Amino acid sequence: MIKAIVEIISSKPDTNGNTYHFGIFYSVNKGKDKLIVVELGGGSNALYLLQEIGFQFQEMFSCSFTLPKRRWKRLHDVHKKNSVFVYEHEAKDKLKEFYNL
């Protein structure tokens, strides 16, 4: 049964080849209006974070999107201002609290 949904939003490479990522974490029990946003070091780190706090692979659903850098930055800034936003190094505790683990 799916318990956690993650949207991974990545940027297309900039002129130096760098890509940027953030994940939007949803709880199936809380609905789509409750979410937590985590700035990630890599696109696959979102699922790793969920596994680290105790989710099994079959309990997670993820989808990935790649956006042009400016569009990614705009979406990132909107979520940073309007959502619970954390960085990856402090995400485990916030995610445990968010998912009531």
N, C-alpha and C. Protein backbone atom coordinates (compact mmCIF):
# COMPACT_ATOMS: atom_id res chain seq x y z
N MET A 1 0.84 -1.18 0.00
CA MET A 1 0.00 0.00 0.00
C MET A 1 0.89 1.25 0.00
N ILE A 2 0.57 2.20 -0.85
CA ILE A 2 1.35 3.43 -0.97
C ILE A 2 1.07 4.32 0.25
N LYS A 3 2.14 4.78 0.90
CA LYS A 3 2.02 5.66 2.06
C LYS A 3 2.67 7.02 1.82
N ALA A 4 3.64 7.08 0.91
CA ALA A 4 4.37 8.32 0.65
C ALA A 4 4.50 8.55 -0.85
N ILE A 5 4.29 9.78 -1.25
CA ILE A 5 4.44 10.17 -2.65
C ILE A 5 5.49 11.28 -2.70
N VAL A 6 6.41 11.15 -3.66
CA VAL A 6 7.49 12.13 -3.81
C VAL A 6 7.53 12.62 -5.25
N GLU A 7 7.52 13.92 -5.41
CA GLU A 7 7.77 14.53 -6.72
C GLU A 7 9.21 15.05 -6.68
N ILE A 8 10.02 14.63 -7.63
CA ILE A 8 11.40 15.09 -7.70
C ILE A 8 11.48 16.05 -8.89
N ILE A 9 11.79 17.29 -8.61
CA ILE A 9 11.89 18.30 -9.66
C ILE A 9 13.36 18.64 -9.84
N SER A 10 13.86 18.41 -11.04
CA SER A 10 15.26 18.66 -11.36
C SER A 10 15.34 19.74 -12.43
N SER A 11 16.46 20.43 -12.43
CA SER A 11 16.69 21.43 -13.48
C SER A 11 17.49 20.78 -14.60
N LYS A 12 17.35 21.33 -15.79
CA LYS A 12 18.24 20.94 -16.87
C LYS A 12 19.62 21.48 -16.54
N PRO A 13 20.67 20.89 -17.09
CA PRO A 13 22.03 21.37 -16.76
C PRO A 13 22.21 22.84 -17.16
N ASP A 14 22.90 23.58 -16.29
CA ASP A 14 23.24 24.96 -16.65
C ASP A 14 24.47 24.95 -17.56
N THR A 15 25.04 26.11 -17.83
CA THR A 15 26.17 26.18 -18.77
C THR A 15 27.40 25.43 -18.27
N ASN A 16 27.50 25.21 -16.96
CA ASN A 16 28.63 24.46 -16.40
C ASN A 16 28.30 22.98 -16.21
N GLY A 17 27.10 22.56 -16.56
CA GLY A 17 26.72 21.16 -16.42
C GLY A 17 26.10 20.80 -15.09
N ASN A 18 25.89 21.77 -14.21
CA ASN A 18 25.31 21.51 -12.90
C ASN A 18 23.80 21.35 -13.00
N THR A 19 23.25 20.40 -12.24
CA THR A 19 21.81 20.24 -12.13
C THR A 19 21.42 20.45 -10.67
N TYR A 20 20.19 20.87 -10.45
CA TYR A 20 19.69 21.17 -9.12
C TYR A 20 18.40 20.40 -8.90
N HIS A 21 18.13 20.03 -7.64
CA HIS A 21 17.01 19.15 -7.35
C HIS A 21 16.31 19.57 -6.07
N PHE A 22 15.00 19.36 -6.03
CA PHE A 22 14.27 19.39 -4.77
C PHE A 22 13.13 18.39 -4.86
N GLY A 23 12.70 17.91 -3.70
CA GLY A 23 11.63 16.92 -3.64
C GLY A 23 10.44 17.46 -2.86
N ILE A 24 9.26 17.15 -3.35
CA ILE A 24 8.03 17.51 -2.64
C ILE A 24 7.45 16.21 -2.10
N PHE A 25 7.36 16.11 -0.79
CA PHE A 25 6.92 14.90 -0.11
C PHE A 25 5.47 15.07 0.33
N TYR A 26 4.63 14.11 -0.05
CA TYR A 26 3.23 14.10 0.34
C TYR A 26 2.96 12.86 1.19
N SER A 27 2.03 12.97 2.12
CA SER A 27 1.57 11.83 2.88
C SER A 27 0.18 11.45 2.37
N VAL A 28 -0.01 10.20 2.06
CA VAL A 28 -1.30 9.74 1.57
C VAL A 28 -2.38 9.97 2.63
N ASN A 29 -2.03 9.83 3.89
CA ASN A 29 -3.00 10.00 4.98
C ASN A 29 -3.41 11.46 5.20
N LYS A 30 -2.52 12.40 4.89
CA LYS A 30 -2.80 13.81 5.17
C LYS A 30 -3.40 14.56 3.99
N GLY A 31 -3.31 14.02 2.80
CA GLY A 31 -3.87 14.68 1.63
C GLY A 31 -2.85 15.54 0.91
N LYS A 32 -3.25 16.04 -0.26
CA LYS A 32 -2.31 16.76 -1.12
C LYS A 32 -1.99 18.17 -0.64
N ASP A 33 -2.78 18.71 0.27
CA ASP A 33 -2.53 20.07 0.74
C ASP A 33 -1.40 20.13 1.77
N LYS A 34 -1.12 19.03 2.42
CA LYS A 34 -0.04 18.97 3.41
C LYS A 34 1.19 18.40 2.73
N LEU A 35 2.27 19.17 2.74
CA LEU A 35 3.48 18.70 2.09
C LEU A 35 4.69 19.28 2.78
N ILE A 36 5.83 18.69 2.47
CA ILE A 36 7.11 19.18 2.96
C ILE A 36 8.07 19.16 1.77
N VAL A 37 8.87 20.21 1.62
CA VAL A 37 9.78 20.34 0.49
C VAL A 37 11.20 20.23 1.00
N VAL A 38 12.00 19.39 0.34
CA VAL A 38 13.38 19.16 0.74
C VAL A 38 14.30 19.48 -0.44
N GLU A 39 15.29 20.34 -0.21
CA GLU A 39 16.29 20.59 -1.23
C GLU A 39 17.27 19.43 -1.20
N LEU A 40 17.49 18.82 -2.37
CA LEU A 40 18.25 17.59 -2.47
C LEU A 40 19.60 17.81 -3.15
N GLY A 41 20.55 16.95 -2.81
CA GLY A 41 21.85 16.98 -3.47
C GLY A 41 21.83 16.22 -4.77
N GLY A 42 20.90 15.30 -4.93
CA GLY A 42 20.77 14.51 -6.15
C GLY A 42 19.34 14.04 -6.31
N GLY A 43 18.98 13.70 -7.53
CA GLY A 43 17.61 13.32 -7.81
C GLY A 43 17.16 12.05 -7.12
N SER A 44 18.06 11.11 -6.89
CA SER A 44 17.67 9.83 -6.28
C SER A 44 17.70 9.88 -4.75
N ASN A 45 18.13 10.98 -4.18
CA ASN A 45 18.23 11.07 -2.72
C ASN A 45 16.88 11.07 -2.03
N ALA A 46 15.83 11.44 -2.71
CA ALA A 46 14.51 11.51 -2.09
C ALA A 46 14.04 10.13 -1.63
N LEU A 47 14.15 9.14 -2.49
CA LEU A 47 13.74 7.79 -2.11
C LEU A 47 14.65 7.23 -1.03
N TYR A 48 15.92 7.56 -1.08
CA TYR A 48 16.86 7.12 -0.05
C TYR A 48 16.46 7.68 1.31
N LEU A 49 16.06 8.96 1.35
CA LEU A 49 15.62 9.55 2.62
C LEU A 49 14.43 8.81 3.20
N LEU A 50 13.47 8.45 2.34
CA LEU A 50 12.29 7.71 2.83
C LEU A 50 12.69 6.33 3.34
N GLN A 51 13.61 5.67 2.66
CA GLN A 51 14.07 4.36 3.13
C GLN A 51 14.81 4.49 4.46
N GLU A 52 15.56 5.57 4.62
CA GLU A 52 16.30 5.80 5.86
C GLU A 52 15.37 5.97 7.06
N ILE A 53 14.19 6.55 6.86
CA ILE A 53 13.29 6.75 8.01
C ILE A 53 12.33 5.59 8.21
N GLY A 54 12.44 4.55 7.37
CA GLY A 54 11.67 3.33 7.65
C GLY A 54 10.67 2.88 6.62
N PHE A 55 10.53 3.57 5.50
CA PHE A 55 9.59 3.12 4.48
C PHE A 55 10.19 1.99 3.65
N GLN A 56 9.35 1.05 3.27
CA GLN A 56 9.73 -0.01 2.35
C GLN A 56 9.52 0.49 0.93
N PHE A 57 10.24 -0.10 -0.02
CA PHE A 57 10.18 0.36 -1.40
C PHE A 57 8.76 0.33 -1.96
N GLN A 58 7.98 -0.69 -1.62
CA GLN A 58 6.61 -0.81 -2.15
C GLN A 58 5.64 0.18 -1.51
N GLU A 59 6.06 0.92 -0.49
CA GLU A 59 5.20 1.92 0.16
C GLU A 59 5.40 3.32 -0.40
N MET A 60 6.31 3.46 -1.39
CA MET A 60 6.65 4.77 -1.93
C MET A 60 6.28 4.85 -3.41
N PHE A 61 5.88 6.03 -3.82
CA PHE A 61 5.65 6.30 -5.24
C PHE A 61 6.40 7.58 -5.57
N SER A 62 7.14 7.58 -6.67
CA SER A 62 7.86 8.79 -7.04
C SER A 62 7.65 9.10 -8.51
N CYS A 63 7.72 10.37 -8.82
CA CYS A 63 7.71 10.81 -10.21
C CYS A 63 8.73 11.94 -10.32
N SER A 64 9.34 12.03 -11.48
CA SER A 64 10.41 13.01 -11.70
C SER A 64 10.04 13.94 -12.85
N PHE A 65 10.41 15.19 -12.68
CA PHE A 65 10.21 16.18 -13.72
C PHE A 65 11.52 16.93 -13.92
N THR A 66 11.83 17.27 -15.15
CA THR A 66 12.99 18.09 -15.46
C THR A 66 12.51 19.37 -16.12
N LEU A 67 12.91 20.50 -15.55
CA LEU A 67 12.47 21.80 -16.02
C LEU A 67 13.67 22.64 -16.44
N PRO A 68 13.45 23.61 -17.35
CA PRO A 68 14.53 24.56 -17.64
C PRO A 68 14.92 25.30 -16.36
N LYS A 69 16.16 25.73 -16.26
CA LYS A 69 16.72 26.30 -15.03
C LYS A 69 15.89 27.46 -14.49
N ARG A 70 15.45 28.38 -15.32
CA ARG A 70 14.68 29.53 -14.82
C ARG A 70 13.33 29.10 -14.26
N ARG A 71 12.66 28.19 -14.92
CA ARG A 71 11.38 27.70 -14.44
C ARG A 71 11.57 26.93 -13.13
N TRP A 72 12.63 26.12 -13.06
CA TRP A 72 12.95 25.38 -11.84
C TRP A 72 13.17 26.36 -10.68
N LYS A 73 13.92 27.42 -10.92
CA LYS A 73 14.22 28.41 -9.88
C LYS A 73 12.96 29.10 -9.40
N ARG A 74 12.06 29.45 -10.33
CA ARG A 74 10.79 30.08 -9.96
C ARG A 74 9.96 29.16 -9.06
N LEU A 75 9.83 27.90 -9.46
CA LEU A 75 9.06 26.93 -8.67
C LEU A 75 9.72 26.69 -7.32
N HIS A 76 11.03 26.59 -7.30
CA HIS A 76 11.79 26.42 -6.06
C HIS A 76 11.53 27.58 -5.11
N ASP A 77 11.58 28.81 -5.62
CA ASP A 77 11.38 29.99 -4.77
C ASP A 77 9.96 30.06 -4.21
N VAL A 78 8.97 29.68 -5.01
CA VAL A 78 7.58 29.67 -4.54
C VAL A 78 7.42 28.68 -3.39
N HIS A 79 7.97 27.47 -3.54
CA HIS A 79 7.87 26.48 -2.48
C HIS A 79 8.67 26.88 -1.25
N LYS A 80 9.81 27.50 -1.47
CA LYS A 80 10.63 27.92 -0.34
C LYS A 80 9.91 28.97 0.51
N LYS A 81 9.14 29.82 -0.15
CA LYS A 81 8.43 30.88 0.56
C LYS A 81 7.13 30.38 1.21
N ASN A 82 6.42 29.46 0.55
CA ASN A 82 5.06 29.11 0.96
C ASN A 82 4.90 27.74 1.60
N SER A 83 5.96 26.96 1.72
CA SER A 83 5.84 25.59 2.23
C SER A 83 6.81 25.36 3.38
N VAL A 84 6.65 24.23 4.04
CA VAL A 84 7.67 23.79 4.99
C VAL A 84 8.86 23.36 4.15
N PHE A 85 9.97 24.07 4.28
CA PHE A 85 11.13 23.86 3.41
C PHE A 85 12.33 23.54 4.28
N VAL A 86 13.00 22.42 3.99
CA VAL A 86 14.19 22.04 4.73
C VAL A 86 15.28 21.60 3.76
N TYR A 87 16.50 21.62 4.24
CA TYR A 87 17.63 21.14 3.45
C TYR A 87 17.88 19.68 3.79
N GLU A 88 18.55 19.00 2.91
CA GLU A 88 18.69 17.54 3.02
C GLU A 88 19.32 17.09 4.33
N HIS A 89 20.30 17.82 4.85
CA HIS A 89 20.97 17.38 6.07
C HIS A 89 20.08 17.42 7.31
N GLU A 90 19.00 18.18 7.27
CA GLU A 90 18.08 18.23 8.41
C GLU A 90 16.73 17.58 8.09
N ALA A 91 16.65 16.87 6.99
CA ALA A 91 15.36 16.37 6.51
C ALA A 91 14.86 15.13 7.26
N LYS A 92 15.75 14.27 7.74
CA LYS A 92 15.29 13.03 8.37
C LYS A 92 14.34 13.28 9.53
N ASP A 93 14.72 14.18 10.42
CA ASP A 93 13.88 14.47 11.59
C ASP A 93 12.55 15.08 11.18
N LYS A 94 12.58 16.01 10.24
CA LYS A 94 11.33 16.64 9.78
C LYS A 94 10.42 15.64 9.08
N LEU A 95 11.00 14.74 8.29
CA LEU A 95 10.20 13.74 7.60
C LEU A 95 9.60 12.73 8.58
N LYS A 96 10.37 12.32 9.58
CA LYS A 96 9.83 11.42 10.60
C LYS A 96 8.63 12.06 11.30
N GLU A 97 8.78 13.33 11.64
CA GLU A 97 7.67 14.07 12.27
C GLU A 97 6.48 14.19 11.32
N PHE A 98 6.75 14.47 10.05
CA PHE A 98 5.71 14.66 9.06
C PHE A 98 4.91 13.37 8.84
N TYR A 99 5.61 12.24 8.77
CA TYR A 99 4.96 10.95 8.54
C TYR A 99 4.58 10.22 9.83
N ASN A 100 4.75 10.87 10.98
CA ASN A 100 4.42 10.29 12.29
C ASN A 100 5.12 8.96 12.53
N LEU A 101 6.42 8.91 12.29
CA LEU A 101 7.19 7.67 12.50
C LEU A 101 8.00 7.77 13.78
